[in-house]
Amino acid sequence: MAGVCLAAEKLPPASADTPLPEEPQDIPTPLLDGSEIKGNLFYFQRDRERYDVDTRQFRKNLHHSTVQASVEFNSGFIAKSVGFDFGVFGTKDVENSGAPDHEISFFPWDNPWSPDWLKTDSRSGLSIYKAHLKFKHDESWAKAGYFQPSGPGVLGVNWSLMPGTYTGAEAGSTVGPVTFAAAWANRYKAPWFRESYSFRQNDGTTDVAYLWSLGARYAATPEFTAELAYGESAHYLKNAHLKIKYNRNIDGKHPLYLTYQLYAMGDSNDGASVNNNFAGTAYQHFVAANYSPAPWALKAEFLHTRAPANREENVGYFAYRLISRYGGANGAYEPWWDNRSDWDHDRESAVFLRIARTLDDLTGIPGWTAAVSKAYGWGGKAYGFKETLRESAYALDLGYKFPDGKFKDASINLHYTHYNNKTDLPSWVGFKNAFQDERDVKFIVILPWTL
């Protein structure tokens, strides 16, 4: 069998006259070079009870177990300039014997403007939360499509386990110590809805064509930043904020964070209608100090709110967003205490204290953290009511985060909140963003992954 080489035989060495086979050449794939595929697996279990002033008993409010998963692809850049990002998540209730509108699955109605409270089952399914073209050149960038704002500005998104999504575009650039950004959007989707929807005013029928935002962030030093932003919803609301932040490490190892933030809102509609949110300018002061001398982490924060109201139609509380309805849009707002209330009624002041500690040295197992927090609010006023709002809450946290191994950065968290509304008013009566006493337990497992 001249000329045939059996599998067990060795080929003769190539002679000087025999050309060597060419090495395979890598085909350029700029979209894949520098790309990443990542996601999360979630398990969320919640049991929340709310006090009923009529029956004088706690009643089941939320009671569900839900699984959720996400996958996200972030491409590289063609010609170092153009790329594409895409993300989708799915969710399903394993069990639900409480309200269907619990934010981790999809609500059984299609948008914030037309709730159907006769429906009792949440929806399962898939939803796209990111799908946009992205561009960059030197220190400038842009994105267009389904996106989450990332530059300085007044637009933010609602979060459950996944973020909300705007339809529109954002662009920004850095010039020396200053970063500028502008954003425009004509639709939105909170993460508890499957499809995006247009913007509307409080009445649920008056359309708002678009939102826009401009912002600038000045980084004077690595420790100090200041941000100023302004934006509007067309013929409806105006938002603005100032954020001053200072970060440094004491002795090179104990982080200290100080901030003062001022948020402001105004109406374009000043008539006597439900679409008139405030009687004048509404604003909120936020002051915070966070210090982490290991193994401790300490927080002390303060809020003071003015949301003037001189008629029943005014909302009487401060929700920093360009569309007032819950889930209609959201703002770039940072205070969040995970103690149930928003602490944001007219004339209300509130304080928050939190002490956390890593337990590595006590348990001999790295990754454990425990925390206790307390919030107290006083002085809230509601139009037409003499009673003053006083509210308080405390919360307990226990969490474990895998420090290494195949489950690195996965976490298990248990959170309990006991909230007390010290008025005898039913939920949402008078104080339109206040509910009655609650007992709330949340158990969350998060498993991030990357290919």
Protein backbone atom coordinates (compact mmCIF):
# COMPACT_ATOMS: atom_id res chain seq x y z
CA MET A 1 0.00 0.00 0.00
CA ALA A 2 2.56 2.46 -1.22
CA GLY A 3 1.82 6.04 -0.23
CA VAL A 4 -0.59 5.15 2.59
CA CYS A 5 0.31 5.93 6.18
CA LEU A 6 -1.48 3.91 8.82
CA ALA A 7 -2.62 5.56 12.00
CA ALA A 8 0.05 3.85 14.09
CA GLU A 9 2.91 4.88 11.81
CA LYS A 10 5.00 8.02 12.13
CA LEU A 11 5.20 10.38 9.19
CA PRO A 12 8.67 10.87 7.75
CA PRO A 13 10.33 14.14 8.63
CA ALA A 14 9.76 16.90 6.12
CA SER A 15 12.64 17.56 3.78
CA ALA A 16 13.92 21.01 3.01
CA ASP A 17 11.91 20.89 -0.21
CA THR A 18 8.62 20.03 1.54
CA PRO A 19 6.64 23.11 2.65
CA LEU A 20 5.43 23.00 6.23
CA PRO A 21 1.68 23.39 6.75
CA GLU A 22 0.66 26.92 7.66
CA GLU A 23 -0.23 27.65 11.25
CA PRO A 24 -3.93 28.35 11.63
CA GLN A 25 -4.53 32.10 11.76
CA ASP A 26 -6.89 33.65 14.29
CA ILE A 27 -9.76 35.37 12.53
CA PRO A 28 -10.34 38.84 14.02
CA THR A 29 -13.62 38.95 15.95
CA PRO A 30 -13.78 42.41 17.51
CA LEU A 31 -17.28 41.90 18.92
CA LEU A 32 -16.07 38.85 20.83
CA ASP A 33 -12.61 40.11 21.77
CA GLY A 34 -13.01 41.75 25.13
CA SER A 35 -16.59 40.54 25.48
CA GLU A 36 -18.11 38.88 28.53
CA ILE A 37 -21.07 36.67 29.30
CA LYS A 38 -22.34 36.74 32.84
CA GLY A 39 -25.49 36.43 34.89
CA ASN A 40 -27.12 35.58 38.19
CA LEU A 41 -29.30 32.91 39.73
CA PHE A 42 -31.60 34.12 42.50
CA TYR A 43 -33.86 32.59 45.10
CA PHE A 44 -36.08 35.08 46.97
CA GLN A 45 -38.46 34.18 49.77
CA ARG A 46 -40.57 36.74 51.61
CA ASP A 47 -43.16 36.77 54.37
CA ARG A 48 -44.64 40.19 55.16
CA GLU A 49 -47.59 41.00 57.41
CA ARG A 50 -49.31 44.38 57.74
CA TYR A 51 -51.49 45.65 60.57
CA ASP A 52 -55.17 46.30 59.85
CA VAL A 53 -56.55 49.10 62.05
CA ASP A 54 -60.13 47.91 61.55
CA THR A 55 -59.62 44.32 62.74
CA ARG A 56 -56.65 45.23 64.99
CA GLN A 57 -54.75 42.26 63.65
CA PHE A 58 -51.80 41.60 61.38
CA ARG A 59 -52.84 40.23 58.00
CA LYS A 60 -50.81 38.48 55.34
CA ASN A 61 -49.53 40.96 52.78
CA LEU A 62 -46.72 39.28 50.79
CA HIS A 63 -45.96 35.59 51.01
CA HIS A 64 -44.01 34.05 48.13
CA SER A 65 -41.00 32.03 47.04
CA THR A 66 -39.57 33.05 43.68
CA VAL A 67 -36.70 31.93 41.45
CA GLN A 68 -35.10 34.25 38.94
CA ALA A 69 -32.21 33.99 36.50
CA SER A 70 -30.43 36.44 34.22
CA VAL A 71 -27.89 36.27 31.39
CA GLU A 72 -26.05 39.23 29.93
CA PHE A 73 -23.70 39.61 26.95
CA ASN A 74 -21.45 42.65 26.72
CA SER A 75 -19.50 42.77 23.47
CA GLY A 76 -16.14 44.18 22.57
CA PHE A 77 -15.83 47.07 20.11
CA ILE A 78 -15.55 47.00 16.32
CA ALA A 79 -12.76 49.37 15.26
CA LYS A 80 -12.47 50.17 18.98
CA SER A 81 -15.65 52.24 18.59
CA VAL A 82 -18.92 50.28 18.22
CA GLY A 83 -20.36 47.42 20.26
CA PHE A 84 -23.58 45.85 21.53
CA ASP A 85 -24.92 44.81 24.95
CA PHE A 86 -27.85 42.49 25.58
CA GLY A 87 -29.46 41.15 28.76
CA VAL A 88 -32.54 39.08 29.57
CA PHE A 89 -34.01 37.65 32.76
CA GLY A 90 -36.74 35.20 33.65
CA THR A 91 -38.74 34.75 36.81
CA LYS A 92 -41.25 32.29 38.28
CA ASP A 93 -43.08 31.97 41.57
CA VAL A 94 -42.53 28.62 43.25
CA GLU A 95 -45.29 29.47 45.72
CA ASN A 96 -47.42 32.56 46.35
CA SER A 97 -50.28 32.85 48.82
CA GLY A 98 -50.11 36.64 49.20
CA ALA A 99 -50.53 39.66 46.94
CA PRO A 100 -49.55 39.20 43.28
CA ASP A 101 -47.71 42.56 42.99
CA HIS A 102 -44.51 41.64 44.86
CA GLU A 103 -41.88 43.06 42.42
CA ILE A 104 -39.78 39.88 42.04
CA SER A 105 -42.15 38.27 39.52
CA PHE A 106 -44.19 40.19 36.94
CA PHE A 107 -47.37 41.98 37.95
CA PRO A 108 -50.57 40.48 36.45
CA TRP A 109 -51.26 43.76 34.61
CA ASP A 110 -49.24 45.43 31.87
CA ASN A 111 -48.27 48.87 33.22
CA PRO A 112 -48.56 51.17 36.25
CA TRP A 113 -51.56 53.02 34.80
CA SER A 114 -54.16 50.23 34.71
CA PRO A 115 -53.89 47.89 37.71
CA ASP A 116 -56.50 45.14 38.00
CA TRP A 117 -56.83 44.31 41.69
CA LEU A 118 -59.20 41.43 40.95
CA LYS A 119 -56.24 39.42 39.64
CA THR A 120 -54.57 37.25 42.25
CA ASP A 121 -51.69 35.51 40.46
CA SER A 122 -48.37 37.01 39.45
CA ARG A 123 -46.95 36.30 35.99
CA SER A 124 -43.92 34.22 35.07
CA GLY A 125 -41.88 34.73 31.92
CA LEU A 126 -38.94 36.48 30.29
CA SER A 127 -38.10 40.14 29.82
CA ILE A 128 -35.27 41.99 28.06
CA TYR A 129 -33.65 44.50 30.39
CA LYS A 130 -30.75 45.61 28.19
CA ALA A 131 -30.34 45.80 24.40
CA HIS A 132 -28.38 48.76 23.13
CA LEU A 133 -25.67 49.80 20.73
CA LYS A 134 -22.69 51.40 22.43
CA PHE A 135 -20.09 53.79 21.07
CA LYS A 136 -16.83 55.21 22.35
CA HIS A 137 -14.12 57.55 21.10
CA ASP A 138 -11.30 58.74 23.31
CA GLU A 139 -13.02 60.02 26.44
CA SER A 140 -16.51 60.17 24.92
CA TRP A 141 -19.20 57.45 24.87
CA ALA A 142 -22.84 56.89 23.98
CA LYS A 143 -25.52 54.17 23.99
CA ALA A 144 -28.92 53.89 22.34
CA GLY A 145 -31.73 51.36 22.77
CA TYR A 146 -32.86 49.67 26.00
CA PHE A 147 -30.47 51.04 28.61
CA GLN A 148 -29.75 51.94 32.23
CA PRO A 149 -28.33 55.46 32.77
CA SER A 150 -24.71 55.47 33.91
CA GLY A 151 -23.53 59.08 33.59
CA PRO A 152 -24.31 62.01 35.91
CA GLY A 153 -27.95 63.07 35.62
CA VAL A 154 -31.37 62.88 37.24
CA LEU A 155 -32.54 59.61 35.62
CA GLY A 156 -32.31 56.40 37.62
CA VAL A 157 -34.06 53.03 37.53
CA ASN A 158 -36.19 50.95 39.87
CA TRP A 159 -34.48 47.83 41.21
CA SER A 160 -35.92 44.55 42.36
CA LEU A 161 -33.31 41.87 41.75
CA MET A 162 -32.85 43.30 38.24
CA PRO A 163 -32.87 46.93 37.05
CA GLY A 164 -35.56 48.87 35.24
CA THR A 165 -34.99 49.92 31.63
CA TYR A 166 -35.39 53.12 29.61
CA THR A 167 -35.90 53.26 25.86
CA GLY A 168 -33.82 56.10 24.46
CA ALA A 169 -30.21 57.23 24.43
CA GLU A 170 -27.44 58.57 26.65
CA ALA A 171 -24.09 60.18 25.82
CA GLY A 172 -21.23 61.51 27.89
CA SER A 173 -17.68 62.80 27.81
CA THR A 174 -14.86 63.50 30.25
CA VAL A 175 -12.84 66.70 29.90
CA GLY A 176 -10.11 66.93 32.51
CA PRO A 177 -11.70 66.55 35.95
CA VAL A 178 -15.29 67.04 34.65
CA THR A 179 -17.60 64.36 33.27
CA PHE A 180 -20.70 65.49 31.36
CA ALA A 181 -23.72 63.37 30.36
CA ALA A 182 -27.07 63.85 28.65
CA ALA A 183 -29.97 61.38 28.39
CA TRP A 184 -33.33 61.24 26.60
CA ALA A 185 -36.07 58.58 26.90
CA ASN A 186 -39.61 58.07 25.64
CA ARG A 187 -40.50 54.75 27.32
CA TYR A 188 -39.71 52.81 30.49
CA LYS A 189 -40.13 49.39 32.05
CA ALA A 190 -39.91 48.71 35.78
CA PRO A 191 -38.43 45.23 36.46
CA TRP A 192 -41.81 43.91 37.60
CA PHE A 193 -43.33 44.47 34.14
CA ARG A 194 -42.45 42.44 31.03
CA GLU A 195 -42.91 45.14 28.38
CA SER A 196 -42.08 48.83 28.25
CA TYR A 197 -44.76 51.53 28.34
CA SER A 198 -45.10 55.24 27.62
CA PHE A 199 -44.95 57.94 30.30
CA ARG A 200 -48.09 59.46 31.81
CA GLN A 201 -49.07 61.97 34.44
CA ASN A 202 -50.77 61.16 37.74
CA ASP A 203 -54.21 60.82 36.20
CA GLY A 204 -52.99 57.81 34.19
CA THR A 205 -54.34 59.19 30.90
CA THR A 206 -52.35 62.34 30.06
CA ASP A 207 -49.33 61.34 27.97
CA VAL A 208 -45.82 62.60 28.63
CA ALA A 209 -43.88 62.46 25.36
CA TYR A 210 -40.33 62.17 26.79
CA LEU A 211 -37.90 62.77 29.64
CA TRP A 212 -34.50 64.45 29.39
CA SER A 213 -31.55 64.96 31.71
CA LEU A 214 -28.25 66.87 31.83
CA GLY A 215 -25.54 66.39 34.44
CA ALA A 216 -21.93 67.14 35.29
CA ARG A 217 -19.59 65.55 37.84
CA TYR A 218 -16.42 67.29 39.01
CA ALA A 219 -13.66 65.15 40.49
CA ALA A 220 -11.37 67.69 42.13
CA THR A 221 -9.25 64.95 43.75
CA PRO A 222 -9.57 61.17 44.04
CA GLU A 223 -11.30 61.80 47.38
CA PHE A 224 -13.70 64.64 46.50
CA THR A 225 -16.50 64.79 43.90
CA ALA A 226 -19.40 67.14 43.26
CA GLU A 227 -22.32 66.48 40.93
CA LEU A 228 -24.97 68.85 39.60
CA ALA A 229 -27.88 67.67 37.43
CA TYR A 230 -31.19 68.88 36.02
CA GLY A 231 -33.95 67.25 33.99
CA GLU A 232 -37.60 67.48 32.97
CA SER A 233 -40.51 65.37 31.86
CA ALA A 234 -42.24 67.15 28.97
CA HIS A 235 -44.75 69.70 30.34
CA TYR A 236 -44.88 67.93 33.71
CA LEU A 237 -42.14 67.68 36.37
CA LYS A 238 -38.69 69.17 36.92
CA ASN A 239 -35.93 67.48 38.94
CA ALA A 240 -32.54 68.73 40.09
CA HIS A 241 -29.88 67.63 42.53
CA LEU A 242 -26.53 68.52 44.07
CA LYS A 243 -24.32 65.74 45.44
CA ILE A 244 -21.09 66.41 47.30
CA LYS A 245 -19.04 63.37 48.34
CA TYR A 246 -15.81 62.80 50.20
CA ASN A 247 -14.03 59.44 50.44
CA ARG A 248 -10.75 58.61 52.13
CA ASN A 249 -9.03 55.83 54.04
CA ILE A 250 -8.06 56.64 57.61
CA ASP A 251 -4.60 55.22 58.26
CA GLY A 252 -4.84 53.68 54.79
CA LYS A 253 -7.26 50.94 55.85
CA HIS A 254 -10.42 52.36 57.47
CA PRO A 255 -12.76 53.84 54.80
CA LEU A 256 -14.60 57.05 55.64
CA TYR A 257 -17.44 58.37 53.46
CA LEU A 258 -19.15 61.73 53.95
CA THR A 259 -21.86 63.22 51.75
CA TYR A 260 -24.33 66.05 51.54
CA GLN A 261 -27.04 65.78 48.90
CA LEU A 262 -29.87 68.15 47.99
CA TYR A 263 -32.75 66.94 45.82
CA ALA A 264 -35.41 69.31 44.43
CA MET A 265 -38.62 68.93 42.43
CA GLY A 266 -41.07 71.32 40.82
CA ASP A 267 -44.27 71.21 38.77
CA SER A 268 -44.91 72.50 35.28
CA ASN A 269 -48.63 72.01 36.03
CA ASP A 270 -49.69 74.40 38.82
CA GLY A 271 -53.45 74.02 38.35
CA ALA A 272 -55.99 72.53 40.70
CA SER A 273 -55.77 68.97 39.41
CA VAL A 274 -54.43 65.58 40.42
CA ASN A 275 -51.47 66.24 38.08
CA ASN A 276 -50.26 69.08 40.31
CA ASN A 277 -47.91 67.33 42.71
CA PHE A 278 -46.71 70.18 44.97
CA ALA A 279 -47.72 73.66 46.14
CA GLY A 280 -44.36 75.18 45.25
CA THR A 281 -40.90 73.62 45.18
CA ALA A 282 -40.32 70.33 47.01
CA TYR A 283 -36.87 69.43 48.30
CA GLN A 284 -35.01 66.98 50.49
CA HIS A 285 -31.72 67.27 52.38
CA PHE A 286 -29.62 64.14 52.90
CA VAL A 287 -26.52 63.96 55.10
CA ALA A 288 -24.58 60.74 55.68
CA ALA A 289 -21.39 59.55 57.39
CA ASN A 290 -20.15 55.98 56.93
CA TYR A 291 -17.03 54.75 58.70
CA SER A 292 -15.58 51.23 58.56
CA PRO A 293 -12.90 50.51 61.16
CA ALA A 294 -12.58 46.75 60.53
CA PRO A 295 -14.25 44.54 61.58
CA TRP A 296 -16.98 47.17 62.13
CA ALA A 297 -19.01 49.25 59.64
CA LEU A 298 -20.92 52.22 61.04
CA LYS A 299 -23.54 54.43 59.38
CA ALA A 300 -25.30 57.59 60.55
CA GLU A 301 -27.67 59.29 58.09
CA PHE A 302 -30.28 62.07 58.18
CA LEU A 303 -33.16 63.18 55.92
CA HIS A 304 -35.35 66.27 56.01
CA THR A 305 -38.22 66.68 53.54
CA ARG A 306 -40.43 69.49 52.31
CA ALA A 307 -43.20 68.47 49.92
CA PRO A 308 -45.69 71.34 50.31
CA ALA A 309 -49.38 70.64 49.78
CA ASN A 310 -52.31 73.07 49.92
CA ARG A 311 -55.01 70.87 48.40
CA GLU A 312 -56.06 67.23 48.52
CA GLU A 313 -54.73 66.57 45.01
CA ASN A 314 -51.11 67.29 46.03
CA VAL A 315 -49.10 64.17 46.82
CA GLY A 316 -47.62 65.44 50.10
CA TYR A 317 -44.45 63.34 49.92
CA PHE A 318 -41.13 63.47 48.06
CA ALA A 319 -40.41 60.79 45.43
CA TYR A 320 -37.47 61.89 43.28
CA ARG A 321 -38.52 60.92 39.76
CA LEU A 322 -39.83 62.62 36.63
CA ILE A 323 -42.99 60.46 36.53
CA SER A 324 -44.86 60.39 39.84
CA ARG A 325 -46.66 57.06 39.58
CA TYR A 326 -44.91 54.15 41.29
CA GLY A 327 -43.09 52.18 38.59
CA GLY A 328 -43.56 54.90 35.98
CA ALA A 329 -39.88 55.93 36.07
CA ASN A 330 -37.26 56.58 38.73
CA GLY A 331 -34.59 59.10 39.66
CA ALA A 332 -30.89 59.04 40.52
CA TYR A 333 -31.64 58.94 44.24
CA GLU A 334 -29.24 57.43 46.76
CA PRO A 335 -30.79 57.27 50.28
CA TRP A 336 -32.04 53.74 51.03
CA TRP A 337 -32.27 52.25 54.51
CA ASP A 338 -34.03 48.90 53.89
CA ASN A 339 -36.37 49.67 56.80
CA ARG A 340 -39.58 49.66 54.74
CA SER A 341 -40.68 53.32 54.88
CA ASP A 342 -39.37 56.00 52.50
CA TRP A 343 -39.31 58.58 55.36
CA ASP A 344 -40.31 61.30 52.89
CA HIS A 345 -43.51 63.09 53.95
CA ASP A 346 -43.84 66.86 54.06
CA ARG A 347 -41.93 68.39 57.03
CA GLU A 348 -40.67 64.98 58.11
CA SER A 349 -37.17 64.54 59.53
CA ALA A 350 -35.64 61.09 59.94
CA VAL A 351 -32.44 59.53 61.24
CA PHE A 352 -30.88 56.15 60.49
CA LEU A 353 -28.18 54.31 62.44
CA ARG A 354 -26.59 51.01 61.44
CA ILE A 355 -23.87 48.89 62.99
CA ALA A 356 -22.46 45.93 61.06
CA ARG A 357 -19.65 43.56 61.92
CA THR A 358 -17.80 40.84 60.06
CA LEU A 359 -17.69 37.64 62.11
CA ASP A 360 -14.54 36.05 60.65
CA ASP A 361 -12.55 36.34 63.87
CA LEU A 362 -15.42 35.03 66.01
CA THR A 363 -16.51 32.08 63.87
CA GLY A 364 -13.22 31.15 62.26
CA ILE A 365 -15.14 31.08 58.95
CA PRO A 366 -14.54 34.08 56.66
CA GLY A 367 -17.59 35.58 54.94
CA TRP A 368 -20.13 36.06 57.73
CA THR A 369 -21.58 39.51 58.52
CA ALA A 370 -24.24 40.61 61.03
CA ALA A 371 -25.92 44.00 61.35
CA VAL A 372 -28.56 45.87 63.31
CA SER A 373 -30.16 49.16 62.26
CA LYS A 374 -32.71 51.64 63.58
CA ALA A 375 -34.66 54.39 61.80
CA TYR A 376 -36.92 57.03 63.32
CA GLY A 377 -38.98 59.74 61.60
CA TRP A 378 -40.96 62.61 63.10
CA GLY A 379 -42.80 65.80 62.16
CA GLY A 380 -44.58 64.62 59.00
CA LYS A 381 -47.63 66.63 57.95
CA ALA A 382 -50.56 65.75 55.65
CA TYR A 383 -53.02 68.18 54.08
CA GLY A 384 -56.33 68.20 55.97
CA PHE A 385 -55.05 66.17 58.96
CA LYS A 386 -54.00 67.54 62.34
CA GLU A 387 -52.14 64.38 63.32
CA THR A 388 -48.36 64.39 62.94
CA LEU A 389 -46.61 61.37 61.45
CA ARG A 390 -44.14 59.56 63.65
CA GLU A 391 -42.70 56.27 62.46
CA SER A 392 -39.87 53.94 63.45
CA ALA A 393 -38.32 50.67 62.41
CA TYR A 394 -35.52 48.35 63.35
CA ALA A 395 -33.89 45.70 61.20
CA LEU A 396 -31.62 42.69 61.73
CA ASP A 397 -29.33 41.22 59.08
CA LEU A 398 -27.28 38.05 58.84
CA GLY A 399 -25.37 37.26 55.68
CA TYR A 400 -22.71 35.00 54.27
CA LYS A 401 -20.64 35.67 51.15
CA PHE A 402 -18.41 32.93 49.74
CA PRO A 403 -14.88 34.38 49.75
CA ASP A 404 -13.35 31.92 47.27
CA GLY A 405 -13.85 28.62 45.46
CA LYS A 406 -16.35 27.79 42.73
CA PHE A 407 -19.07 29.79 44.52
CA LYS A 408 -16.91 32.90 45.02
CA ASP A 409 -19.07 36.03 45.52
CA ALA A 410 -22.28 33.99 45.94
CA SER A 411 -24.24 35.16 48.97
CA ILE A 412 -26.98 34.12 51.38
CA ASN A 413 -28.84 36.88 53.24
CA LEU A 414 -31.54 36.95 55.91
CA HIS A 415 -33.23 40.28 56.70
CA TYR A 416 -35.96 41.10 59.26
CA THR A 417 -37.71 44.47 59.61
CA HIS A 418 -40.20 45.51 62.27
CA TYR A 419 -41.90 48.76 61.23
CA ASN A 420 -44.17 50.86 63.46
CA ASN A 421 -46.50 53.63 62.25
CA LYS A 422 -47.38 55.53 65.41
CA THR A 423 -50.61 57.00 64.01
CA ASP A 424 -53.96 55.20 64.07
CA LEU A 425 -54.69 56.05 60.44
CA PRO A 426 -55.27 53.22 57.96
CA SER A 427 -52.59 52.59 55.33
CA TRP A 428 -52.32 55.35 52.69
CA VAL A 429 -54.92 57.58 54.42
CA GLY A 430 -53.81 61.19 54.86
CA PHE A 431 -50.14 60.34 54.56
CA LYS A 432 -50.24 59.01 51.02
CA ASN A 433 -46.95 57.15 51.16
CA ALA A 434 -47.39 55.65 54.64
CA PHE A 435 -48.74 52.20 55.53
CA GLN A 436 -49.52 50.66 58.89
CA ASP A 437 -47.23 48.49 61.07
CA GLU A 438 -45.39 45.67 59.34
CA ARG A 439 -43.33 42.58 60.12
CA ASP A 440 -41.18 41.63 57.16
CA VAL A 441 -38.81 38.67 56.61
CA LYS A 442 -36.68 38.33 53.46
CA PHE A 443 -34.38 35.43 52.58
CA ILE A 444 -32.24 35.87 49.44
CA VAL A 445 -29.71 33.59 47.74
CA ILE A 446 -27.60 35.13 44.95
CA LEU A 447 -25.33 33.06 42.72
CA PRO A 448 -23.41 35.16 40.16
CA TRP A 449 -21.62 33.45 37.29
CA THR A 450 -19.30 34.43 34.44
CA LEU A 451 -18.17 32.48 31.37
